Amino acid sequence: MRYQLKVSATAYQETDYAYVYYEEQSPGLGERFLKSLEDSYLKLSQTPQYFSYILDDKNIRDTKIKSFPFVIIFQIEGNTVLVLRVFNTNRNPESLKNL
């Protein structure tokens, strides 16, 4: 079963910030970040239940983005994967309390 993927406005904004940051550091690095994110989204759309819970009470899970210090934080709702955040793991995790 393939799941529909919906990305929140917050996750889009975090993705955009990361892309711009990486492109400023080294041209092409932002594109590599987006490719890794796309690969992760593909895996999520195929087998989201494979990934572990971070908040059991809210059924919130995460998966790492290969080669970058980011995780995708998401929920499964029926046949939809709702991407809540594209979170930089170098940031304070306290901001995740309000998911």
PDB file of N, CA and C in Angstrom:
ATOM      1  N   MET A   1       0.840  -1.182   0.000  1.00  0.00           N
ATOM      2  CA  MET A   1       0.000   0.000   0.000  1.00  0.00           C
ATOM      3  C   MET A   1       0.884   1.244   0.000  1.00  0.00           C
ATOM      4  N   ARG A   2       0.590   2.145  -0.870  1.00  0.00           N
ATOM      5  CA  ARG A   2       1.325   3.402  -0.926  1.00  0.00           C
ATOM      6  C   ARG A   2       0.528   4.466  -0.191  1.00  0.00           C
ATOM      7  N   TYR A   3       1.186   5.229   0.656  1.00  0.00           N
ATOM      8  CA  TYR A   3       0.546   6.266   1.452  1.00  0.00           C
ATOM      9  C   TYR A   3       0.683   7.623   0.757  1.00  0.00           C
ATOM     10  N   GLN A   4      -0.325   8.453   0.938  1.00  0.00           N
ATOM     11  CA  GLN A   4      -0.262   9.822   0.442  1.00  0.00           C
ATOM     12  C   GLN A   4       0.583  10.628   1.430  1.00  0.00           C
ATOM     13  N   LEU A   5       1.406  11.514   0.935  1.00  0.00           N
ATOM     14  CA  LEU A   5       2.278  12.312   1.776  1.00  0.00           C
ATOM     15  C   LEU A   5       1.784  13.755   1.782  1.00  0.00           C
ATOM     16  N   LYS A   6       1.544  14.301   2.980  1.00  0.00           N
ATOM     17  CA  LYS A   6       1.177  15.709   3.131  1.00  0.00           C
ATOM     18  C   LYS A   6       2.220  16.368   4.001  1.00  0.00           C
ATOM     19  N   VAL A   7       2.742  17.501   3.539  1.00  0.00           N
ATOM     20  CA  VAL A   7       3.812  18.204   4.240  1.00  0.00           C
ATOM     21  C   VAL A   7       3.247  19.500   4.811  1.00  0.00           C
ATOM     22  N   SER A   8       3.438  19.707   6.109  1.00  0.00           N
ATOM     23  CA  SER A   8       2.928  20.903   6.774  1.00  0.00           C
ATOM     24  C   SER A   8       3.690  22.147   6.322  1.00  0.00           C
ATOM     25  N   ALA A   9       3.090  23.292   6.553  1.00  0.00           N
ATOM     26  CA  ALA A   9       3.739  24.564   6.223  1.00  0.00           C
ATOM     27  C   ALA A   9       5.032  24.731   7.017  1.00  0.00           C
ATOM     28  N   THR A  10       5.036  24.295   8.259  1.00  0.00           N
ATOM     29  CA  THR A  10       6.243  24.378   9.091  1.00  0.00           C
ATOM     30  C   THR A  10       7.365  23.541   8.491  1.00  0.00           C
ATOM     31  N   ALA A  11       7.039  22.340   8.054  1.00  0.00           N
ATOM     32  CA  ALA A  11       8.052  21.464   7.454  1.00  0.00           C
ATOM     33  C   ALA A  11       8.591  22.061   6.151  1.00  0.00           C
ATOM     34  N   TYR A  12       7.716  22.670   5.351  1.00  0.00           N
ATOM     35  CA  TYR A  12       8.175  23.338   4.121  1.00  0.00           C
ATOM     36  C   TYR A  12       9.133  24.477   4.459  1.00  0.00           C
ATOM     37  N   GLN A  13       8.791  25.262   5.471  1.00  0.00           N
ATOM     38  CA  GLN A  13       9.622  26.387   5.868  1.00  0.00           C
ATOM     39  C   GLN A  13      10.982  25.905   6.371  1.00  0.00           C
ATOM     40  N   GLU A  14      10.990  24.862   7.189  1.00  0.00           N
ATOM     41  CA  GLU A  14      12.248  24.318   7.692  1.00  0.00           C
ATOM     42  C   GLU A  14      13.107  23.775   6.558  1.00  0.00           C
ATOM     43  N   THR A  15      12.476  23.156   5.576  1.00  0.00           N
ATOM     44  CA  THR A  15      13.194  22.639   4.407  1.00  0.00           C
ATOM     45  C   THR A  15      13.832  23.777   3.628  1.00  0.00           C
ATOM     46  N   ASP A  16      13.076  24.852   3.428  1.00  0.00           N
ATOM     47  CA  ASP A  16      13.572  26.010   2.695  1.00  0.00           C
ATOM     48  C   ASP A  16      14.770  26.638   3.405  1.00  0.00           C
ATOM     49  N   TYR A  17      14.675  26.799   4.721  1.00  0.00           N
ATOM     50  CA  TYR A  17      15.789  27.361   5.493  1.00  0.00           C
ATOM     51  C   TYR A  17      17.031  26.489   5.367  1.00  0.00           C
ATOM     52  N   ALA A  18      16.857  25.188   5.476  1.00  0.00           N
ATOM     53  CA  ALA A  18      17.992  24.273   5.377  1.00  0.00           C
ATOM     54  C   ALA A  18      18.623  24.345   3.984  1.00  0.00           C
ATOM     55  N   TYR A  19      17.789  24.355   2.955  1.00  0.00           N
ATOM     56  CA  TYR A  19      18.298  24.435   1.581  1.00  0.00           C
ATOM     57  C   TYR A  19      19.150  25.692   1.392  1.00  0.00           C
ATOM     58  N   VAL A  20      18.616  26.831   1.797  1.00  0.00           N
ATOM     59  CA  VAL A  20      19.333  28.104   1.631  1.00  0.00           C
ATOM     60  C   VAL A  20      20.642  28.074   2.413  1.00  0.00           C
ATOM     61  N   TYR A  21      20.593  27.594   3.643  1.00  0.00           N
ATOM     62  CA  TYR A  21      21.797  27.518   4.470  1.00  0.00           C
ATOM     63  C   TYR A  21      22.863  26.664   3.783  1.00  0.00           C
ATOM     64  N   TYR A  22      22.496  25.474   3.339  1.00  0.00           N
ATOM     65  CA  TYR A  22      23.474  24.577   2.724  1.00  0.00           C
ATOM     66  C   TYR A  22      24.008  25.120   1.398  1.00  0.00           C
ATOM     67  N   GLU A  23      23.180  25.768   0.626  1.00  0.00           N
ATOM     68  CA  GLU A  23      23.652  26.373  -0.627  1.00  0.00           C
ATOM     69  C   GLU A  23      24.634  27.507  -0.355  1.00  0.00           C
ATOM     70  N   GLU A  24      24.409  28.257   0.724  1.00  0.00           N
ATOM     71  CA  GLU A  24      25.341  29.325   1.094  1.00  0.00           C
ATOM     72  C   GLU A  24      26.681  28.759   1.551  1.00  0.00           C
ATOM     73  N   GLN A  25      26.657  27.582   2.174  1.00  0.00           N
ATOM     74  CA  GLN A  25      27.885  26.948   2.655  1.00  0.00           C
ATOM     75  C   GLN A  25      28.712  26.397   1.498  1.00  0.00           C
ATOM     76  N   SER A  26      28.012  25.781   0.550  1.00  0.00           N
ATOM     77  CA  SER A  26      28.696  25.170  -0.588  1.00  0.00           C
ATOM     78  C   SER A  26      27.678  24.953  -1.709  1.00  0.00           C
ATOM     79  N   PRO A  27      27.874  25.597  -2.862  1.00  0.00           N
ATOM     80  CA  PRO A  27      26.925  25.414  -3.964  1.00  0.00           C
ATOM     81  C   PRO A  27      26.749  23.928  -4.296  1.00  0.00           C
ATOM     82  N   GLY A  28      25.491  23.517  -4.380  1.00  0.00           N
ATOM     83  CA  GLY A  28      25.167  22.131  -4.673  1.00  0.00           C
ATOM     84  C   GLY A  28      24.828  21.318  -3.429  1.00  0.00           C
ATOM     85  N   LEU A  29      25.267  21.787  -2.258  1.00  0.00           N
ATOM     86  CA  LEU A  29      24.987  21.058  -1.024  1.00  0.00           C
ATOM     87  C   LEU A  29      23.496  21.102  -0.694  1.00  0.00           C
ATOM     88  N   GLY A  30      22.855  22.217  -0.974  1.00  0.00           N
ATOM     89  CA  GLY A  30      21.410  22.319  -0.760  1.00  0.00           C
ATOM     90  C   GLY A  30      20.657  21.330  -1.639  1.00  0.00           C
ATOM     91  N   GLU A  31      21.116  21.167  -2.868  1.00  0.00           N
ATOM     92  CA  GLU A  31      20.494  20.194  -3.776  1.00  0.00           C
ATOM     93  C   GLU A  31      20.670  18.771  -3.246  1.00  0.00           C
ATOM     94  N   ARG A  32      21.835  18.476  -2.675  1.00  0.00           N
ATOM     95  CA  ARG A  32      22.056  17.145  -2.086  1.00  0.00           C
ATOM     96  C   ARG A  32      21.132  16.924  -0.890  1.00  0.00           C
ATOM     97  N   PHE A  33      20.920  17.990  -0.103  1.00  0.00           N
ATOM     98  CA  PHE A  33      19.986  17.897   1.013  1.00  0.00           C
ATOM     99  C   PHE A  33      18.582  17.564   0.503  1.00  0.00           C
ATOM    100  N   LEU A  34      18.136  18.281  -0.531  1.00  0.00           N
ATOM    101  CA  LEU A  34      16.796  18.029  -1.078  1.00  0.00           C
ATOM    102  C   LEU A  34      16.674  16.614  -1.635  1.00  0.00           C
ATOM    103  N   LYS A  35      17.723  16.090  -2.250  1.00  0.00           N
ATOM    104  CA  LYS A  35      17.700  14.728  -2.781  1.00  0.00           C
ATOM    105  C   LYS A  35      17.580  13.718  -1.639  1.00  0.00           C
ATOM    106  N   SER A  36      18.322  13.928  -0.560  1.00  0.00           N
ATOM    107  CA  SER A  36      18.223  13.030   0.601  1.00  0.00           C
ATOM    108  C   SER A  36      16.834  13.094   1.218  1.00  0.00           C
ATOM    109  N   LEU A  37      16.269  14.298   1.280  1.00  0.00           N
ATOM    110  CA  LEU A  37      14.919  14.474   1.808  1.00  0.00           C
ATOM    111  C   LEU A  37      13.905  13.762   0.915  1.00  0.00           C
ATOM    112  N   GLU A  38      14.053  13.908  -0.377  1.00  0.00           N
ATOM    113  CA  GLU A  38      13.159  13.232  -1.336  1.00  0.00           C
ATOM    114  C   GLU A  38      13.237  11.712  -1.178  1.00  0.00           C
ATOM    115  N   ASP A  39      14.435  11.188  -1.014  1.00  0.00           N
ATOM    116  CA  ASP A  39      14.604   9.749  -0.806  1.00  0.00           C
ATOM    117  C   ASP A  39      13.886   9.295   0.472  1.00  0.00           C
ATOM    118  N   SER A  40      13.996  10.103   1.521  1.00  0.00           N
ATOM    119  CA  SER A  40      13.318   9.779   2.782  1.00  0.00           C
ATOM    120  C   SER A  40      11.808   9.832   2.619  1.00  0.00           C
ATOM    121  N   TYR A  41      11.318  10.821   1.895  1.00  0.00           N
ATOM    122  CA  TYR A  41       9.875  10.928   1.643  1.00  0.00           C
ATOM    123  C   TYR A  41       9.366   9.697   0.876  1.00  0.00           C
ATOM    124  N   LEU A  42      10.146   9.212  -0.068  1.00  0.00           N
ATOM    125  CA  LEU A  42       9.755   8.033  -0.827  1.00  0.00           C
ATOM    126  C   LEU A  42       9.616   6.821   0.107  1.00  0.00           C
ATOM    127  N   LYS A  43      10.586   6.636   1.000  1.00  0.00           N
ATOM    128  CA  LYS A  43      10.510   5.530   1.962  1.00  0.00           C
ATOM    129  C   LYS A  43       9.297   5.687   2.871  1.00  0.00           C
ATOM    130  N   LEU A  44       9.028   6.917   3.304  1.00  0.00           N
ATOM    131  CA  LEU A  44       7.862   7.172   4.153  1.00  0.00           C
ATOM    132  C   LEU A  44       6.564   6.816   3.449  1.00  0.00           C
ATOM    133  N   SER A  45       6.471   7.133   2.186  1.00  0.00           N
ATOM    134  CA  SER A  45       5.231   6.868   1.451  1.00  0.00           C
ATOM    135  C   SER A  45       5.011   5.376   1.221  1.00  0.00           C
ATOM    136  N   GLN A  46       6.072   4.593   1.344  1.00  0.00           N
ATOM    137  CA  GLN A  46       5.956   3.150   1.124  1.00  0.00           C
ATOM    138  C   GLN A  46       5.768   2.360   2.426  1.00  0.00           C
ATOM    139  N   THR A  47       6.533   2.704   3.460  1.00  0.00           N
ATOM    140  CA  THR A  47       6.486   1.926   4.708  1.00  0.00           C
ATOM    141  C   THR A  47       6.611   2.825   5.940  1.00  0.00           C
ATOM    142  N   PRO A  48       5.667   3.711   6.183  1.00  0.00           N
ATOM    143  CA  PRO A  48       5.802   4.623   7.320  1.00  0.00           C
ATOM    144  C   PRO A  48       5.738   3.918   8.671  1.00  0.00           C
ATOM    145  N   GLN A  49       5.057   2.794   8.742  1.00  0.00           N
ATOM    146  CA  GLN A  49       4.924   2.072  10.005  1.00  0.00           C
ATOM    147  C   GLN A  49       6.241   1.436  10.443  1.00  0.00           C
ATOM    148  N   TYR A  50       7.222   1.394   9.568  1.00  0.00           N
ATOM    149  CA  TYR A  50       8.532   0.819   9.870  1.00  0.00           C
ATOM    150  C   TYR A  50       9.310   1.672  10.882  1.00  0.00           C
ATOM    151  N   PHE A  51       9.024   2.968  10.935  1.00  0.00           N
ATOM    152  CA  PHE A  51       9.817   3.894  11.735  1.00  0.00           C
ATOM    153  C   PHE A  51       9.305   3.991  13.166  1.00  0.00           C
ATOM    154  N   SER A  52      10.218   4.264  14.094  1.00  0.00           N
ATOM    155  CA  SER A  52       9.903   4.215  15.525  1.00  0.00           C
ATOM    156  C   SER A  52       9.157   5.456  16.024  1.00  0.00           C
ATOM    157  N   TYR A  53       8.440   5.237  17.124  1.00  0.00           N
ATOM    158  CA  TYR A  53       7.705   6.313  17.790  1.00  0.00           C
ATOM    159  C   TYR A  53       8.658   7.188  18.603  1.00  0.00           C
ATOM    160  N   ILE A  54       8.365   8.493  18.623  1.00  0.00           N
ATOM    161  CA  ILE A  54       9.081   9.376  19.547  1.00  0.00           C
ATOM    162  C   ILE A  54       8.128   9.864  20.632  1.00  0.00           C
ATOM    163  N   LEU A  55       6.846   9.894  20.321  1.00  0.00           N
ATOM    164  CA  LEU A  55       5.816  10.247  21.298  1.00  0.00           C
ATOM    165  C   LEU A  55       4.686   9.237  21.164  1.00  0.00           C
ATOM    166  N   ASP A  56       4.679   8.235  22.015  1.00  0.00           N
ATOM    167  CA  ASP A  56       3.673   7.174  21.929  1.00  0.00           C
ATOM    168  C   ASP A  56       2.253   7.689  22.071  1.00  0.00           C
ATOM    169  N   ASP A  57       2.061   8.641  22.958  1.00  0.00           N
ATOM    170  CA  ASP A  57       0.707   9.106  23.225  1.00  0.00           C
ATOM    171  C   ASP A  57       0.083   9.848  22.048  1.00  0.00           C
ATOM    172  N   LYS A  58       0.904  10.344  21.148  1.00  0.00           N
ATOM    173  CA  LYS A  58       0.387  11.071  19.987  1.00  0.00           C
ATOM    174  C   LYS A  58       0.652  10.333  18.676  1.00  0.00           C
ATOM    175  N   ASN A  59       1.193   9.120  18.755  1.00  0.00           N
ATOM    176  CA  ASN A  59       1.527   8.344  17.558  1.00  0.00           C
ATOM    177  C   ASN A  59       2.444   9.106  16.608  1.00  0.00           C
ATOM    178  N   ILE A  60       3.403   9.805  17.162  1.00  0.00           N
ATOM    179  CA  ILE A  60       4.347  10.582  16.358  1.00  0.00           C
ATOM    180  C   ILE A  60       5.636   9.789  16.219  1.00  0.00           C
ATOM    181  N   ARG A  61       6.131   9.731  14.998  1.00  0.00           N
ATOM    182  CA  ARG A  61       7.333   8.959  14.667  1.00  0.00           C
ATOM    183  C   ARG A  61       8.363   9.862  14.005  1.00  0.00           C
ATOM    184  N   ASP A  62       9.567   9.333  13.836  1.00  0.00           N
ATOM    185  CA  ASP A  62      10.578  10.079  13.101  1.00  0.00           C
ATOM    186  C   ASP A  62      11.472   9.144  12.300  1.00  0.00           C
ATOM    187  N   THR A  63      12.165   9.747  11.353  1.00  0.00           N
ATOM    188  CA  THR A  63      13.168   9.046  10.566  1.00  0.00           C
ATOM    189  C   THR A  63      14.282  10.026  10.239  1.00  0.00           C
ATOM    190  N   LYS A  64      15.507   9.542  10.229  1.00  0.00           N
ATOM    191  CA  LYS A  64      16.660  10.388   9.927  1.00  0.00           C
ATOM    192  C   LYS A  64      16.766  10.622   8.424  1.00  0.00           C
ATOM    193  N   ILE A  65      17.310  11.785   8.085  1.00  0.00           N
ATOM    194  CA  ILE A  65      17.632  12.096   6.691  1.00  0.00           C
ATOM    195  C   ILE A  65      19.102  11.748   6.504  1.00  0.00           C
ATOM    196  N   LYS A  66      19.387  10.887   5.561  1.00  0.00           N
ATOM    197  CA  LYS A  66      20.743  10.380   5.341  1.00  0.00           C
ATOM    198  C   LYS A  66      21.728  11.525   5.075  1.00  0.00           C
ATOM    199  N   SER A  67      22.853  11.492   5.787  1.00  0.00           N
ATOM    200  CA  SER A  67      23.998  12.393   5.613  1.00  0.00           C
ATOM    201  C   SER A  67      23.782  13.821   6.113  1.00  0.00           C
ATOM    202  N   PHE A  68      22.655  14.102   6.737  1.00  0.00           N
ATOM    203  CA  PHE A  68      22.382  15.436   7.248  1.00  0.00           C
ATOM    204  C   PHE A  68      21.819  15.334   8.667  1.00  0.00           C
ATOM    205  N   PRO A  69      22.052  16.366   9.496  1.00  0.00           N
ATOM    206  CA  PRO A  69      21.586  16.311  10.885  1.00  0.00           C
ATOM    207  C   PRO A  69      20.113  16.716  11.029  1.00  0.00           C
ATOM    208  N   PHE A  70      19.256  16.034  10.308  1.00  0.00           N
ATOM    209  CA  PHE A  70      17.831  16.330  10.316  1.00  0.00           C
ATOM    210  C   PHE A  70      17.031  15.050  10.484  1.00  0.00           C
ATOM    211  N   VAL A  71      15.851  15.198  11.087  1.00  0.00           N
ATOM    212  CA  VAL A  71      14.884  14.113  11.137  1.00  0.00           C
ATOM    213  C   VAL A  71      13.557  14.626  10.592  1.00  0.00           C
ATOM    214  N   ILE A  72      12.808  13.717  10.007  1.00  0.00           N
ATOM    215  CA  ILE A  72      11.446  14.010   9.571  1.00  0.00           C
ATOM    216  C   ILE A  72      10.533  13.499  10.669  1.00  0.00           C
ATOM    217  N   ILE A  73       9.713  14.371  11.205  1.00  0.00           N
ATOM    218  CA  ILE A  73       8.770  14.007  12.261  1.00  0.00           C
ATOM    219  C   ILE A  73       7.393  13.940  11.628  1.00  0.00           C
ATOM    220  N   PHE A  74       6.702  12.799  11.828  1.00  0.00           N
ATOM    221  CA  PHE A  74       5.453  12.582  11.105  1.00  0.00           C
ATOM    222  C   PHE A  74       4.460  11.754  11.899  1.00  0.00           C
ATOM    223  N   GLN A  75       3.222  11.754  11.407  1.00  0.00           N
ATOM    224  CA  GLN A  75       2.138  10.922  11.931  1.00  0.00           C
ATOM    225  C   GLN A  75       1.523  10.165  10.769  1.00  0.00           C
ATOM    226  N   ILE A  76       0.976   9.002  11.073  1.00  0.00           N
ATOM    227  CA  ILE A  76       0.208   8.248  10.077  1.00  0.00           C
ATOM    228  C   ILE A  76      -1.260   8.423  10.435  1.00  0.00           C
ATOM    229  N   GLU A  77      -2.030   8.909   9.478  1.00  0.00           N
ATOM    230  CA  GLU A  77      -3.468   9.095   9.665  1.00  0.00           C
ATOM    231  C   GLU A  77      -4.187   8.381   8.520  1.00  0.00           C
ATOM    232  N   GLY A  78      -4.661   7.185   8.793  1.00  0.00           N
ATOM    233  CA  GLY A  78      -5.297   6.396   7.734  1.00  0.00           C
ATOM    234  C   GLY A  78      -4.286   6.027   6.677  1.00  0.00           C
ATOM    235  N   ASN A  79      -4.537   6.445   5.438  1.00  0.00           N
ATOM    236  CA  ASN A  79      -3.596   6.169   4.349  1.00  0.00           C
ATOM    237  C   ASN A  79      -2.762   7.406   4.000  1.00  0.00           C
ATOM    238  N   THR A  80      -2.631   8.324   4.969  1.00  0.00           N
ATOM    239  CA  THR A  80      -1.868   9.551   4.767  1.00  0.00           C
ATOM    240  C   THR A  80      -0.741   9.648   5.788  1.00  0.00           C
ATOM    241  N   VAL A  81       0.425  10.065   5.313  1.00  0.00           N
ATOM    242  CA  VAL A  81       1.544  10.382   6.186  1.00  0.00           C
ATOM    243  C   VAL A  81       1.614  11.907   6.248  1.00  0.00           C
ATOM    244  N   LEU A  82       1.423  12.446   7.446  1.00  0.00           N
ATOM    245  CA  LEU A  82       1.469  13.885   7.654  1.00  0.00           C
ATOM    246  C   LEU A  82       2.838  14.258   8.217  1.00  0.00           C
ATOM    247  N   VAL A  83       3.630  14.962   7.401  1.00  0.00           N
ATOM    248  CA  VAL A  83       4.952  15.414   7.831  1.00  0.00           C
ATOM    249  C   VAL A  83       4.761  16.696   8.639  1.00  0.00           C
ATOM    250  N   LEU A  84       5.102  16.619   9.922  1.00  0.00           N
ATOM    251  CA  LEU A  84       4.911  17.751  10.822  1.00  0.00           C
ATOM    252  C   LEU A  84       6.108  18.695  10.825  1.00  0.00           C
ATOM    253  N   ARG A  85       7.309  18.109  10.823  1.00  0.00           N
ATOM    254  CA  ARG A  85       8.534  18.910  10.896  1.00  0.00           C
ATOM    255  C   ARG A  85       9.649  18.244  10.091  1.00  0.00           C
ATOM    256  N   VAL A  86      10.562  19.066   9.609  1.00  0.00           N
ATOM    257  CA  VAL A  86      11.855  18.625   9.094  1.00  0.00           C
ATOM    258  C   VAL A  86      12.832  19.299  10.051  1.00  0.00           C
ATOM    259  N   PHE A  87      13.173  18.571  11.110  1.00  0.00           N
ATOM    260  CA  PHE A  87      13.807  19.160  12.287  1.00  0.00           C
ATOM    261  C   PHE A  87      15.312  18.981  12.286  1.00  0.00           C
ATOM    262  N   ASN A  88      16.022  20.092  12.510  1.00  0.00           N
ATOM    263  CA  ASN A  88      17.474  20.084  12.627  1.00  0.00           C
ATOM    264  C   ASN A  88      17.830  19.560  14.015  1.00  0.00           C
ATOM    265  N   THR A  89      18.521  18.449  14.090  1.00  0.00           N
ATOM    266  CA  THR A  89      18.827  17.820  15.377  1.00  0.00           C
ATOM    267  C   THR A  89      19.854  18.601  16.188  1.00  0.00           C
ATOM    268  N   ASN A  90      20.455  19.623  15.612  1.00  0.00           N
ATOM    269  CA  ASN A  90      21.365  20.487  16.354  1.00  0.00           C
ATOM    270  C   ASN A  90      20.609  21.554  17.145  1.00  0.00           C
ATOM    271  N   ARG A  91      19.313  21.652  16.917  1.00  0.00           N
ATOM    272  CA  ARG A  91      18.491  22.641  17.618  1.00  0.00           C
ATOM    273  C   ARG A  91      17.964  22.067  18.923  1.00  0.00           C
ATOM    274  N   ASN A  92      17.438  22.930  19.736  1.00  0.00           N
ATOM    275  CA  ASN A  92      16.902  22.545  21.035  1.00  0.00           C
ATOM    276  C   ASN A  92      15.639  21.706  20.855  1.00  0.00           C
ATOM    277  N   PRO A  93      15.623  20.488  21.363  1.00  0.00           N
ATOM    278  CA  PRO A  93      14.451  19.623  21.199  1.00  0.00           C
ATOM    279  C   PRO A  93      13.221  20.093  21.986  1.00  0.00           C
ATOM    280  N   GLU A  94      13.379  21.075  22.844  1.00  0.00           N
ATOM    281  CA  GLU A  94      12.258  21.617  23.598  1.00  0.00           C
ATOM    282  C   GLU A  94      11.169  22.144  22.665  1.00  0.00           C
ATOM    283  N   SER A  95      11.555  22.608  21.487  1.00  0.00           N
ATOM    284  CA  SER A  95      10.564  23.147  20.543  1.00  0.00           C
ATOM    285  C   SER A  95       9.640  22.069  19.996  1.00  0.00           C
ATOM    286  N   LEU A  96       9.967  20.817  20.231  1.00  0.00           N
ATOM    287  CA  LEU A  96       9.117  19.722  19.765  1.00  0.00           C
ATOM    288  C   LEU A  96       7.998  19.384  20.741  1.00  0.00           C
ATOM    289  N   LYS A  97       7.985  20.007  21.901  1.00  0.00           N
ATOM    290  CA  LYS A  97       6.974  19.689  22.903  1.00  0.00           C
ATOM    291  C   LYS A  97       5.557  20.037  22.453  1.00  0.00           C
ATOM    292  N   ASN A  98       5.426  20.964  21.533  1.00  0.00           N
ATOM    293  CA  ASN A  98       4.104  21.420  21.110  1.00  0.00           C
ATOM    294  C   ASN A  98       3.629  20.767  19.818  1.00  0.00           C
ATOM    295  N   LEU A  99       4.044  19.575  19.565  1.00  0.00           N
ATOM    296  CA  LEU A  99       3.610  18.890  18.337  1.00  0.00           C
ATOM    297  C   LEU A  99       2.143  18.510  18.432  1.00  0.00           C
TER     298      LEU A  99
END
